[in-house]
Amino acid sequence: MNIIGWSDYSPIAYILAANVPAPPPKPTYKNSTSTNISILIRRSEDDGGSPITGYKLFVDAGNNFNSEFSQVLSYIDSGSTHTTLDSDNL
C-alpha cells in the first residue's frame, strides 16, 4: 500500500550503488619519433564501486587553451599503452 492505495506487488528492481570513478592519472610519455608518439596509460585507482569496463582517449585539437578535444579512435579502451601516428590518423 502507498499513498494511492493498495496494488499488486511491484516488479523486482536492481540498482548499483556506485559513485563516479576517479579520473585516471595523466598518460605518461614513453617515446616518440618524428611521426608518432607512444604513451603509457594507467587505470584509475578508484572505480567508484563498480568495475571500469573501458576508457576513451582524447587529444587536444590545437596548440592553445581554447581548442577542443577530439577522441583518438585508434585507441582500444583496455590497452595500457598506445602509439598514435600523425594527426591524420587520430
Foldseek 3Di string as FASTA:
>chain_A
DDPVDDDDDDDDDDDQQFDQADDFDDWAWDDDDPWKTKTFGDDGPGRRRDDDDFDWDWDFPDDDPPGDIDTQVVDDGPDRMDMDTHPVND
